[in-house]
PDB file of N, CA and C in Angstrom:
ATOM      1  N   MET A   1      53.218   2.382  16.530  1.00  0.00           N
ATOM      2  CA  MET A   1      51.838   1.584  16.468  1.00  0.00           C
ATOM      3  C   MET A   1      51.143   2.543  16.355  1.00  0.00           C
ATOM      4  N   GLY A   2      50.274   2.181  15.835  1.00  0.00           N
ATOM      5  CA  GLY A   2      49.276   3.150  15.851  1.00  0.00           C
ATOM      6  C   GLY A   2      48.501   3.655  14.569  1.00  0.00           C
ATOM      7  N   ASP A   3      49.140   4.567  13.888  1.00  0.00           N
ATOM      8  CA  ASP A   3      48.228   5.251  12.691  1.00  0.00           C
ATOM      9  C   ASP A   3      48.136   4.410  11.346  1.00  0.00           C
ATOM     10  N   SER A   4      46.721   4.109  11.123  1.00  0.00           N
ATOM     11  CA  SER A   4      46.534   3.275  10.456  1.00  0.00           C
ATOM     12  C   SER A   4      46.509   4.226   8.908  1.00  0.00           C
ATOM     13  N   GLY A   5      46.248   5.251   9.064  1.00  0.00           N
ATOM     14  CA  GLY A   5      46.397   5.997   7.596  1.00  0.00           C
ATOM     15  C   GLY A   5      44.900   6.333   7.139  1.00  0.00           C
ATOM     16  N   GLY A   6      44.222   5.228   7.023  1.00  0.00           N
ATOM     17  CA  GLY A   6      42.945   5.091   6.175  1.00  0.00           C
ATOM     18  C   GLY A   6      41.633   5.156   7.112  1.00  0.00           C
ATOM     19  N   ASP A   7      41.852   5.261   8.217  1.00  0.00           N
ATOM     20  CA  ASP A   7      40.858   5.066   9.212  1.00  0.00           C
ATOM     21  C   ASP A   7      39.915   6.363   9.225  1.00  0.00           C
ATOM     22  N   ASN A   8      38.605   6.654   9.446  1.00  0.00           N
ATOM     23  CA  ASN A   8      37.986   7.896   9.390  1.00  0.00           C
ATOM     24  C   ASN A   8      37.769   7.880  11.050  1.00  0.00           C
ATOM     25  N   ILE A   9      38.072   8.791  11.490  1.00  0.00           N
ATOM     26  CA  ILE A   9      38.010   9.077  12.859  1.00  0.00           C
ATOM     27  C   ILE A   9      36.638  10.251  12.882  1.00  0.00           C
ATOM     28  N   SER A  10      36.011  10.014  14.137  1.00  0.00           N
ATOM     29  CA  SER A  10      34.444  10.689  13.843  1.00  0.00           C
ATOM     30  C   SER A  10      34.813  12.249  13.545  1.00  0.00           C
ATOM     31  N   GLY A  11      35.782  12.798  13.885  1.00  0.00           N
ATOM     32  CA  GLY A  11      36.156  14.244  13.802  1.00  0.00           C
ATOM     33  C   GLY A  11      36.615  14.652  12.460  1.00  0.00           C
ATOM     34  N   SER A  12      37.321  13.574  11.557  1.00  0.00           N
ATOM     35  CA  SER A  12      38.214  13.972  10.707  1.00  0.00           C
ATOM     36  C   SER A  12      37.349  14.920   9.486  1.00  0.00           C
ATOM     37  N   PRO A  13      38.107  15.359   8.673  1.00  0.00           N
ATOM     38  CA  PRO A  13      37.422  16.153   7.679  1.00  0.00           C
ATOM     39  C   PRO A  13      36.607  15.532   6.607  1.00  0.00           C
ATOM     40  N   GLU A  14      37.475  14.106   6.391  1.00  0.00           N
ATOM     41  CA  GLU A  14      36.284  13.135   5.477  1.00  0.00           C
ATOM     42  C   GLU A  14      35.007  13.023   5.692  1.00  0.00           C
ATOM     43  N   THR A  15      34.817  12.743   7.075  1.00  0.00           N
ATOM     44  CA  THR A  15      33.672  12.598   7.662  1.00  0.00           C
ATOM     45  C   THR A  15      32.713  13.656   7.800  1.00  0.00           C
ATOM     46  N   VAL A  16      33.097  14.754   8.057  1.00  0.00           N
ATOM     47  CA  VAL A  16      32.570  15.807   8.162  1.00  0.00           C
ATOM     48  C   VAL A  16      32.008  16.149   6.871  1.00  0.00           C
ATOM     49  N   ALA A  17      33.044  16.109   5.856  1.00  0.00           N
ATOM     50  CA  ALA A  17      32.353  16.425   4.428  1.00  0.00           C
ATOM     51  C   ALA A  17      31.266  15.310   3.926  1.00  0.00           C
ATOM     52  N   GLY A  18      31.367  14.191   4.396  1.00  0.00           N
ATOM     53  CA  GLY A  18      30.453  13.148   3.990  1.00  0.00           C
ATOM     54  C   GLY A  18      29.160  13.787   4.665  1.00  0.00           C
ATOM     55  N   ASN A  19      29.052  13.889   6.052  1.00  0.00           N
ATOM     56  CA  ASN A  19      27.826  14.250   6.568  1.00  0.00           C
ATOM     57  C   ASN A  19      27.480  15.565   5.921  1.00  0.00           C
ATOM     58  N   GLN A  20      28.049  16.502   5.555  1.00  0.00           N
ATOM     59  CA  GLN A  20      27.953  17.779   4.936  1.00  0.00           C
ATOM     60  C   GLN A  20      27.298  17.231   3.401  1.00  0.00           C
ATOM     61  N   THR A  21      27.610  16.147   2.857  1.00  0.00           N
ATOM     62  CA  THR A  21      27.177  15.979   1.498  1.00  0.00           C
ATOM     63  C   THR A  21      25.581  15.464   1.624  1.00  0.00           C
ATOM     64  N   ASP A  22      25.535  14.567   2.922  1.00  0.00           N
ATOM     65  CA  ASP A  22      24.208  13.931   3.115  1.00  0.00           C
ATOM     66  C   ASP A  22      23.318  15.234   3.399  1.00  0.00           C
ATOM     67  N   MET A  23      23.437  16.215   4.172  1.00  0.00           N
ATOM     68  CA  MET A  23      22.793  17.140   4.638  1.00  0.00           C
ATOM     69  C   MET A  23      22.339  18.161   3.292  1.00  0.00           C
ATOM     70  N   ASP A  24      23.343  18.339   2.620  1.00  0.00           N
ATOM     71  CA  ASP A  24      23.206  19.078   1.242  1.00  0.00           C
ATOM     72  C   ASP A  24      22.245  18.021   0.206  1.00  0.00           C
ATOM     73  N   TYR A  25      22.574  16.953   0.233  1.00  0.00           N
ATOM     74  CA  TYR A  25      21.312  16.222  -0.579  1.00  0.00           C
ATOM     75  C   TYR A  25      20.017  16.205   0.041  1.00  0.00           C
ATOM     76  N   GLN A  26      19.759  16.048   1.257  1.00  0.00           N
ATOM     77  CA  GLN A  26      18.304  16.064   2.240  1.00  0.00           C
ATOM     78  C   GLN A  26      17.889  17.586   1.917  1.00  0.00           C
ATOM     79  N   THR A  27      18.552  18.405   1.924  1.00  0.00           N
ATOM     80  CA  THR A  27      18.124  19.903   1.931  1.00  0.00           C
ATOM     81  C   THR A  27      17.856  20.261   0.177  1.00  0.00           C
ATOM     82  N   GLN A  28      18.675  19.516  -0.603  1.00  0.00           N
ATOM     83  CA  GLN A  28      18.280  19.542  -2.261  1.00  0.00           C
ATOM     84  C   GLN A  28      17.035  19.040  -2.385  1.00  0.00           C
ATOM     85  N   LEU A  29      16.908  17.670  -1.756  1.00  0.00           N
ATOM     86  CA  LEU A  29      15.335  16.656  -2.036  1.00  0.00           C
ATOM     87  C   LEU A  29      14.249  17.770  -1.275  1.00  0.00           C
ATOM     88  N   LYS A  30      14.476  18.303  -0.282  1.00  0.00           N
ATOM     89  CA  LYS A  30      13.321  19.030   0.313  1.00  0.00           C
ATOM     90  C   LYS A  30      12.930  20.409  -0.341  1.00  0.00           C
ATOM     91  N   GLU A  31      13.928  21.001  -1.130  1.00  0.00           N
ATOM     92  CA  GLU A  31      13.981  22.327  -1.866  1.00  0.00           C
ATOM     93  C   GLU A  31      13.217  21.457  -3.025  1.00  0.00           C
ATOM     94  N   THR A  32      13.787  20.612  -3.755  1.00  0.00           N
ATOM     95  CA  THR A  32      12.953  19.950  -4.828  1.00  0.00           C
ATOM     96  C   THR A  32      11.479  19.552  -4.713  1.00  0.00           C
ATOM     97  N   ALA A  33      11.027  19.210  -3.524  1.00  0.00           N
ATOM     98  CA  ALA A  33       9.588  18.537  -3.077  1.00  0.00           C
ATOM     99  C   ALA A  33       8.882  19.973  -3.069  1.00  0.00           C
ATOM    100  N   ARG A  34       9.353  20.944  -2.449  1.00  0.00           N
ATOM    101  CA  ARG A  34       8.772  22.350  -2.440  1.00  0.00           C
ATOM    102  C   ARG A  34       8.270  22.799  -3.660  1.00  0.00           C
ATOM    103  N   VAL A  35       9.514  22.878  -4.555  1.00  0.00           N
ATOM    104  CA  VAL A  35       9.180  23.520  -5.831  1.00  0.00           C
ATOM    105  C   VAL A  35       8.087  22.544  -6.546  1.00  0.00           C
ATOM    106  N   TRP A  36       8.239  21.262  -6.609  1.00  0.00           N
ATOM    107  CA  TRP A  36       7.070  20.454  -7.225  1.00  0.00           C
ATOM    108  C   TRP A  36       5.708  20.994  -6.729  1.00  0.00           C
ATOM    109  N   LEU A  37       5.625  20.977  -5.205  1.00  0.00           N
ATOM    110  CA  LEU A  37       4.413  21.276  -4.536  1.00  0.00           C
ATOM    111  C   LEU A  37       3.794  22.657  -4.990  1.00  0.00           C
ATOM    112  N   ARG A  38       4.610  23.509  -4.978  1.00  0.00           N
ATOM    113  CA  ARG A  38       4.307  24.908  -5.579  1.00  0.00           C
ATOM    114  C   ARG A  38       3.778  24.791  -6.954  1.00  0.00           C
ATOM    115  N   TYR A  39       4.506  24.095  -7.823  1.00  0.00           N
ATOM    116  CA  TYR A  39       3.999  24.052  -9.390  1.00  0.00           C
ATOM    117  C   TYR A  39       2.643  23.328  -9.172  1.00  0.00           C
ATOM    118  N   VAL A  40       2.493  22.133  -8.441  1.00  0.00           N
ATOM    119  CA  VAL A  40       1.082  21.578  -8.511  1.00  0.00           C
ATOM    120  C   VAL A  40       0.000  22.219  -7.950  1.00  0.00           C
ATOM    121  N   ILE A  41       0.285  23.238  -6.872  1.00  0.00           N
ATOM    122  CA  ILE A  41      -0.581  24.129  -6.385  1.00  0.00           C
ATOM    123  C   ILE A  41      -0.708  25.250  -7.386  1.00  0.00           C
ATOM    124  N   GLU A  42       0.176  25.818  -8.101  1.00  0.00           N
ATOM    125  CA  GLU A  42      -0.244  26.835  -8.937  1.00  0.00           C
ATOM    126  C   GLU A  42      -1.097  26.406 -10.352  1.00  0.00           C
ATOM    127  N   TRP A  43      -0.764  25.143 -10.564  1.00  0.00           N
ATOM    128  CA  TRP A  43      -1.272  24.468 -11.708  1.00  0.00           C
ATOM    129  C   TRP A  43      -2.850  24.186 -11.290  1.00  0.00           C
ATOM    130  N   ALA A  44      -2.997  23.657 -10.364  1.00  0.00           N
ATOM    131  CA  ALA A  44      -4.381  23.613  -9.957  1.00  0.00           C
ATOM    132  C   ALA A  44      -5.289  24.749  -9.599  1.00  0.00           C
ATOM    133  N   ALA A  45      -4.545  25.786  -9.317  1.00  0.00           N
ATOM    134  CA  ALA A  45      -5.092  26.928  -9.271  1.00  0.00           C
ATOM    135  C   ALA A  45      -5.433  27.774 -10.421  1.00  0.00           C
ATOM    136  N   THR A  46      -4.658  27.885 -11.235  1.00  0.00           N
ATOM    137  CA  THR A  46      -4.704  28.399 -12.686  1.00  0.00           C
ATOM    138  C   THR A  46      -5.689  27.587 -13.772  1.00  0.00           C
ATOM    139  N   ASP A  47      -5.637  26.287 -13.468  1.00  0.00           N
ATOM    140  CA  ASP A  47      -6.424  25.206 -14.517  1.00  0.00           C
ATOM    141  C   ASP A  47      -7.083  24.260 -13.749  1.00  0.00           C
ATOM    142  N   PRO A  48      -8.101  24.561 -12.981  1.00  0.00           N
ATOM    143  CA  PRO A  48      -8.589  23.593 -12.116  1.00  0.00           C
ATOM    144  C   PRO A  48      -9.110  22.515 -12.678  1.00  0.00           C
ATOM    145  N   TYR A  49      -9.992  22.823 -13.727  1.00  0.00           N
ATOM    146  CA  TYR A  49     -10.613  21.609 -14.655  1.00  0.00           C
ATOM    147  C   TYR A  49      -9.577  20.748 -15.425  1.00  0.00           C
ATOM    148  N   GLY A  50      -8.646  21.138 -15.872  1.00  0.00           N
ATOM    149  CA  GLY A  50      -7.444  20.336 -16.401  1.00  0.00           C
ATOM    150  C   GLY A  50      -6.703  19.580 -15.130  1.00  0.00           C
ATOM    151  N   PHE A  51      -6.531  20.125 -14.057  1.00  0.00           N
ATOM    152  CA  PHE A  51      -6.093  19.580 -12.810  1.00  0.00           C
ATOM    153  C   PHE A  51      -6.548  18.349 -12.465  1.00  0.00           C
ATOM    154  N   VAL A  52      -8.217  18.618 -12.502  1.00  0.00           N
ATOM    155  CA  VAL A  52      -8.940  17.531 -11.886  1.00  0.00           C
ATOM    156  C   VAL A  52      -9.007  16.318 -13.185  1.00  0.00           C
ATOM    157  N   CYS A  53      -9.335  16.695 -14.337  1.00  0.00           N
ATOM    158  CA  CYS A  53      -9.251  15.662 -15.115  1.00  0.00           C
ATOM    159  C   CYS A  53      -8.028  14.915 -15.382  1.00  0.00           C
ATOM    160  N   SER A  54      -6.971  15.570 -15.327  1.00  0.00           N
ATOM    161  CA  SER A  54      -5.610  14.711 -15.147  1.00  0.00           C
ATOM    162  C   SER A  54      -5.459  13.906 -13.816  1.00  0.00           C
ATOM    163  N   ILE A  55      -5.808  14.454 -12.809  1.00  0.00           N
ATOM    164  CA  ILE A  55      -5.800  13.374 -11.565  1.00  0.00           C
ATOM    165  C   ILE A  55      -6.799  12.263 -11.992  1.00  0.00           C
ATOM    166  N   LEU A  56      -8.286  12.550 -12.483  1.00  0.00           N
ATOM    167  CA  LEU A  56      -8.796  11.393 -12.586  1.00  0.00           C
ATOM    168  C   LEU A  56      -8.447  10.578 -13.802  1.00  0.00           C
ATOM    169  N   ILE A  57      -7.807  10.939 -14.699  1.00  0.00           N
ATOM    170  CA  ILE A  57      -7.021  10.034 -15.897  1.00  0.00           C
ATOM    171  C   ILE A  57      -6.012   9.025 -15.073  1.00  0.00           C
ATOM    172  N   CYS A  58      -5.496   9.584 -14.177  1.00  0.00           N
ATOM    173  CA  CYS A  58      -4.349   8.997 -13.694  1.00  0.00           C
ATOM    174  C   CYS A  58      -4.924   7.894 -12.483  1.00  0.00           C
ATOM    175  N   PHE A  59      -5.908   8.275 -12.038  1.00  0.00           N
ATOM    176  CA  PHE A  59      -6.399   7.396 -10.619  1.00  0.00           C
ATOM    177  C   PHE A  59      -7.500   6.268 -11.105  1.00  0.00           C
ATOM    178  N   ALA A  60      -8.113   6.599 -12.478  1.00  0.00           N
ATOM    179  CA  ALA A  60      -9.207   5.821 -12.974  1.00  0.00           C
ATOM    180  C   ALA A  60      -8.504   4.279 -13.038  1.00  0.00           C
ATOM    181  N   PRO A  61      -7.705   4.041 -13.554  1.00  0.00           N
ATOM    182  CA  PRO A  61      -6.945   2.497 -13.778  1.00  0.00           C
ATOM    183  C   PRO A  61      -7.007   1.759 -12.412  1.00  0.00           C
ATOM    184  N   LEU A  62      -6.444   2.705 -11.458  1.00  0.00           N
ATOM    185  CA  LEU A  62      -6.259   2.255 -10.048  1.00  0.00           C
ATOM    186  C   LEU A  62      -7.634   1.953  -9.172  1.00  0.00           C
ATOM    187  N   MET A  63      -8.533   2.933  -9.297  1.00  0.00           N
ATOM    188  CA  MET A  63      -9.946   2.479  -9.131  1.00  0.00           C
ATOM    189  C   MET A  63     -10.794   1.445  -9.711  1.00  0.00           C
ATOM    190  N   LEU A  64     -10.229   1.088 -11.144  1.00  0.00           N
ATOM    191  CA  LEU A  64     -11.036   0.029 -11.676  1.00  0.00           C
ATOM    192  C   LEU A  64     -10.219  -1.384 -11.306  1.00  0.00           C
ATOM    193  N   ILE A  65      -8.818  -1.362 -10.777  1.00  0.00           N
ATOM    194  CA  ILE A  65      -8.286  -2.443 -10.409  1.00  0.00           C
ATOM    195  C   ILE A  65      -8.801  -2.829  -9.158  1.00  0.00           C
ATOM    196  N   SER A  66      -9.149  -1.820  -8.205  1.00  0.00           N
ATOM    197  CA  SER A  66      -9.550  -1.958  -6.705  1.00  0.00           C
ATOM    198  C   SER A  66     -11.061  -2.458  -6.967  1.00  0.00           C
ATOM    199  N   ALA A  67     -11.918  -1.917  -7.510  1.00  0.00           N
ATOM    200  CA  ALA A  67     -13.176  -2.495  -7.802  1.00  0.00           C
ATOM    201  C   ALA A  67     -13.325  -4.036  -8.262  1.00  0.00           C
ATOM    202  N   LEU A  68     -12.513  -4.331  -9.341  1.00  0.00           N
ATOM    203  CA  LEU A  68     -12.348  -5.863  -9.779  1.00  0.00           C
ATOM    204  C   LEU A  68     -11.898  -6.686  -8.703  1.00  0.00           C
ATOM    205  N   LEU A  69     -10.955  -6.311  -8.061  1.00  0.00           N
ATOM    206  CA  LEU A  69     -10.299  -7.149  -6.682  1.00  0.00           C
ATOM    207  C   LEU A  69     -11.094  -7.122  -5.885  1.00  0.00           C
ATOM    208  N   SER A  70     -12.230  -6.328  -5.442  1.00  0.00           N
ATOM    209  CA  SER A  70     -12.991  -6.395  -4.479  1.00  0.00           C
ATOM    210  C   SER A  70     -14.205  -7.146  -4.848  1.00  0.00           C
ATOM    211  N   TRP A  71     -14.688  -6.963  -6.132  1.00  0.00           N
ATOM    212  CA  TRP A  71     -15.658  -8.116  -6.675  1.00  0.00           C
ATOM    213  C   TRP A  71     -15.195  -9.533  -6.261  1.00  0.00           C
ATOM    214  N   LYS A  72     -13.988  -9.596  -6.872  1.00  0.00           N
ATOM    215  CA  LYS A  72     -13.406 -11.297  -6.781  1.00  0.00           C
ATOM    216  C   LYS A  72     -13.323 -11.605  -5.491  1.00  0.00           C
ATOM    217  N   MET A  73     -13.032 -10.840  -4.423  1.00  0.00           N
ATOM    218  CA  MET A  73     -12.730 -11.234  -2.997  1.00  0.00           C
ATOM    219  C   MET A  73     -14.206 -11.353  -2.482  1.00  0.00           C
ATOM    220  N   LEU A  74     -15.531 -10.489  -2.888  1.00  0.00           N
ATOM    221  CA  LEU A  74     -16.511 -10.851  -2.496  1.00  0.00           C
ATOM    222  C   LEU A  74     -17.170 -12.197  -3.147  1.00  0.00           C
ATOM    223  N   LYS A  75     -16.921 -12.783  -4.328  1.00  0.00           N
ATOM    224  CA  LYS A  75     -17.186 -13.675  -4.604  1.00  0.00           C
ATOM    225  C   LYS A  75     -16.617 -15.149  -4.233  1.00  0.00           C
ATOM    226  N   SER A  76     -15.175 -14.950  -3.793  1.00  0.00           N
ATOM    227  CA  SER A  76     -14.495 -15.969  -2.959  1.00  0.00           C
ATOM    228  C   SER A  76     -15.287 -16.044  -1.582  1.00  0.00           C
ATOM    229  N   LEU A  77     -15.575 -14.827  -0.897  1.00  0.00           N
ATOM    230  CA  LEU A  77     -15.835 -14.900   0.167  1.00  0.00           C
ATOM    231  C   LEU A  77     -17.534 -15.654   0.302  1.00  0.00           C
ATOM    232  N   GLU A  78     -18.067 -15.499  -0.800  1.00  0.00           N
ATOM    233  CA  GLU A  78     -19.619 -16.061  -0.881  1.00  0.00           C
ATOM    234  C   GLU A  78     -19.506 -17.722  -1.008  1.00  0.00           C
ATOM    235  N   ASN A  79     -18.331 -17.911  -1.828  1.00  0.00           N
ATOM    236  CA  ASN A  79     -18.387 -19.427  -2.391  1.00  0.00           C
ATOM    237  C   ASN A  79     -17.783 -20.168  -0.774  1.00  0.00           C
ATOM    238  N   ASN A  80     -16.982 -19.403  -0.109  1.00  0.00           N
ATOM    239  CA  ASN A  80     -16.336 -20.032   1.166  1.00  0.00           C
ATOM    240  C   ASN A  80     -17.883 -20.310   2.153  1.00  0.00           C
ATOM    241  N   ASP A  81     -18.441 -19.269   1.918  1.00  0.00           N
ATOM    242  CA  ASP A  81     -19.692 -19.336   3.101  1.00  0.00           C
ATOM    243  C   ASP A  81     -20.631 -20.489   2.351  1.00  0.00           C
ATOM    244  N   LYS A  82     -20.839 -20.534   1.163  1.00  0.00           N
ATOM    245  CA  LYS A  82     -21.903 -21.608   0.613  1.00  0.00           C
ATOM    246  C   LYS A  82     -21.303 -22.973   1.023  1.00  0.00           C
ATOM    247  N   LYS A  83     -19.943 -22.953   0.902  1.00  0.00           N
ATOM    248  CA  LYS A  83     -19.383 -24.607   0.999  1.00  0.00           C
ATOM    249  C   LYS A  83     -19.428 -24.961   2.447  1.00  0.00           C
ATOM    250  N   GLY A  84     -19.148 -23.827   3.442  1.00  0.00           N
ATOM    251  CA  GLY A  84     -19.463 -23.694   4.825  1.00  0.00           C
ATOM    252  C   GLY A  84     -20.555 -24.482   5.090  1.00  0.00           C
ATOM    253  N   LYS A  85     -21.863 -23.700   4.554  1.00  0.00           N
ATOM    254  CA  LYS A  85     -23.261 -24.201   4.701  1.00  0.00           C
ATOM    255  C   LYS A  85     -23.629 -25.678   4.243  1.00  0.00           C
ATOM    256  N   ARG A  86     -22.888 -25.922   3.054  1.00  0.00           N
ATOM    257  CA  ARG A  86     -23.137 -27.248   2.675  1.00  0.00           C
ATOM    258  C   ARG A  86     -22.736 -28.223   3.472  1.00  0.00           C
ATOM    259  N   LYS A  87     -21.253 -28.172   3.903  1.00  0.00           N
ATOM    260  CA  LYS A  87     -20.636 -29.001   4.828  1.00  0.00           C
ATOM    261  C   LYS A  87     -21.564 -29.302   6.025  1.00  0.00           C
ATOM    262  N   ALA A  88     -21.924 -28.328   6.734  1.00  0.00           N
ATOM    263  CA  ALA A  88     -22.734 -28.395   7.961  1.00  0.00           C
ATOM    264  C   ALA A  88     -23.842 -29.000   7.762  1.00  0.00           C
ATOM    265  N   LYS A  89     -24.806 -28.826   6.571  1.00  0.00           N
ATOM    266  CA  LYS A  89     -26.138 -29.520   6.216  1.00  0.00           C
ATOM    267  C   LYS A  89     -25.486 -31.131   5.962  1.00  0.00           C
ATOM    268  N   LYS A  90     -24.561 -31.173   5.157  1.00  0.00           N
ATOM    269  CA  LYS A  90     -24.080 -32.606   5.224  1.00  0.00           C
ATOM    270  C   LYS A  90     -23.896 -33.290   6.321  1.00  0.00           C
ATOM    271  N   ASP A  91     -22.999 -32.697   7.112  1.00  0.00           N
ATOM    272  CA  ASP A  91     -22.700 -33.569   8.737  1.00  0.00           C
ATOM    273  C   ASP A  91     -23.995 -33.540   9.455  1.00  0.00           C
ATOM    274  N   SER A  92     -25.012 -32.520   9.352  1.00  0.00           N
ATOM    275  CA  SER A  92     -26.101 -32.798   9.955  1.00  0.00           C
ATOM    276  C   SER A  92     -26.865 -33.900   9.451  1.00  0.00           C
ATOM    277  N   ASN A  93     -27.037 -34.087   8.143  1.00  0.00           N
ATOM    278  CA  ASN A  93     -27.535 -35.229   7.678  1.00  0.00           C
ATOM    279  C   ASN A  93     -27.094 -36.653   7.889  1.00  0.00           C
ATOM    280  N   ILE A  94     -25.886 -36.682   7.867  1.00  0.00           N
ATOM    281  CA  ILE A  94     -25.005 -37.650   8.249  1.00  0.00           C
ATOM    282  C   ILE A  94     -25.357 -38.222   9.943  1.00  0.00           C
ATOM    283  N   ALA A  95     -25.030 -37.087  10.586  1.00  0.00           N
ATOM    284  CA  ALA A  95     -25.524 -37.625  11.872  1.00  0.00           C
ATOM    285  C   ALA A  95     -26.915 -38.224  12.289  1.00  0.00           C
ATOM    286  N   ARG A  96     -27.756 -37.235  11.353  1.00  0.00           N
ATOM    287  CA  ARG A  96     -29.359 -37.471  11.530  1.00  0.00           C
ATOM    288  C   ARG A  96     -29.404 -39.022  11.111  1.00  0.00           C
ATOM    289  N   SER A  97     -28.887 -39.532   9.912  1.00  0.00           N
ATOM    290  CA  SER A  97     -29.154 -40.885   9.638  1.00  0.00           C
ATOM    291  C   SER A  97     -28.399 -41.808  10.320  1.00  0.00           C
ATOM    292  N   ARG A  98     -27.450 -41.357  10.785  1.00  0.00           N
ATOM    293  CA  ARG A  98     -26.819 -42.532  12.110  1.00  0.00           C
ATOM    294  C   ARG A  98     -27.809 -42.408  13.180  1.00  0.00           C
ATOM    295  N   GLY A  99     -28.744 -41.831  13.482  1.00  0.00           N
ATOM    296  CA  GLY A  99     -29.648 -41.930  14.546  1.00  0.00           C
ATOM    297  C   GLY A  99     -29.070 -41.113  15.800  1.00  0.00           C
ATOM    298  N   ARG A 100     -28.399 -40.074  15.575  1.00  0.00           N
ATOM    299  CA  ARG A 100     -27.666 -39.341  16.791  1.00  0.00           C
ATOM    300  C   ARG A 100     -28.648 -38.280  16.962  1.00  0.00           C
ATOM    301  N   THR A 101     -29.179 -37.550  16.151  1.00  0.00           N
ATOM    302  CA  THR A 101     -29.998 -36.494  16.454  1.00  0.00           C
ATOM    303  C   THR A 101     -31.450 -36.661  15.613  1.00  0.00           C
ATOM    304  N   LYS A 102     -32.554 -35.824  16.133  1.00  0.00           N
ATOM    305  CA  LYS A 102     -33.758 -36.096  15.909  1.00  0.00           C
ATOM    306  C   LYS A 102     -34.011 -34.880  14.833  1.00  0.00           C
ATOM    307  N   LYS A 103     -34.896 -35.237  13.922  1.00  0.00           N
ATOM    308  CA  LYS A 103     -35.245 -33.730  12.934  1.00  0.00           C
ATOM    309  C   LYS A 103     -36.121 -33.199  13.488  1.00  0.00           C
ATOM    310  N   THR A 104     -36.163 -31.733  13.721  1.00  0.00           N
ATOM    311  CA  THR A 104     -37.037 -30.878  14.263  1.00  0.00           C
ATOM    312  C   THR A 104     -37.694 -30.212  13.340  1.00  0.00           C
ATOM    313  N   ASP A 105     -38.062 -30.568  12.292  1.00  0.00           N
ATOM    314  CA  ASP A 105     -39.039 -29.649  11.287  1.00  0.00           C
ATOM    315  C   ASP A 105     -40.751 -29.362  11.589  1.00  0.00           C
TER     316      ASP A 105
END
């Protein structure tokens, strides 16, 4: 009975090697992030105007899209508010015309 041959038991060399590969990948990823961060910091320190211009060029389209979507949302909220006021005024006029309330102007 017993030995299925292909099963990975938690202490087997294949599993330990797989975990080691994952750790190596994570270590490489952290080291790559550190190298890129150092590069960006050095670039910002050596050429601050070029760095700021590059950042603004990259983020300008995103800021423009954000402003456009904010404007569209503002218009939508204003339209909903106007519709609500019109509906309330209409309901008030209907109720007044049916004699339920008196006008207090």
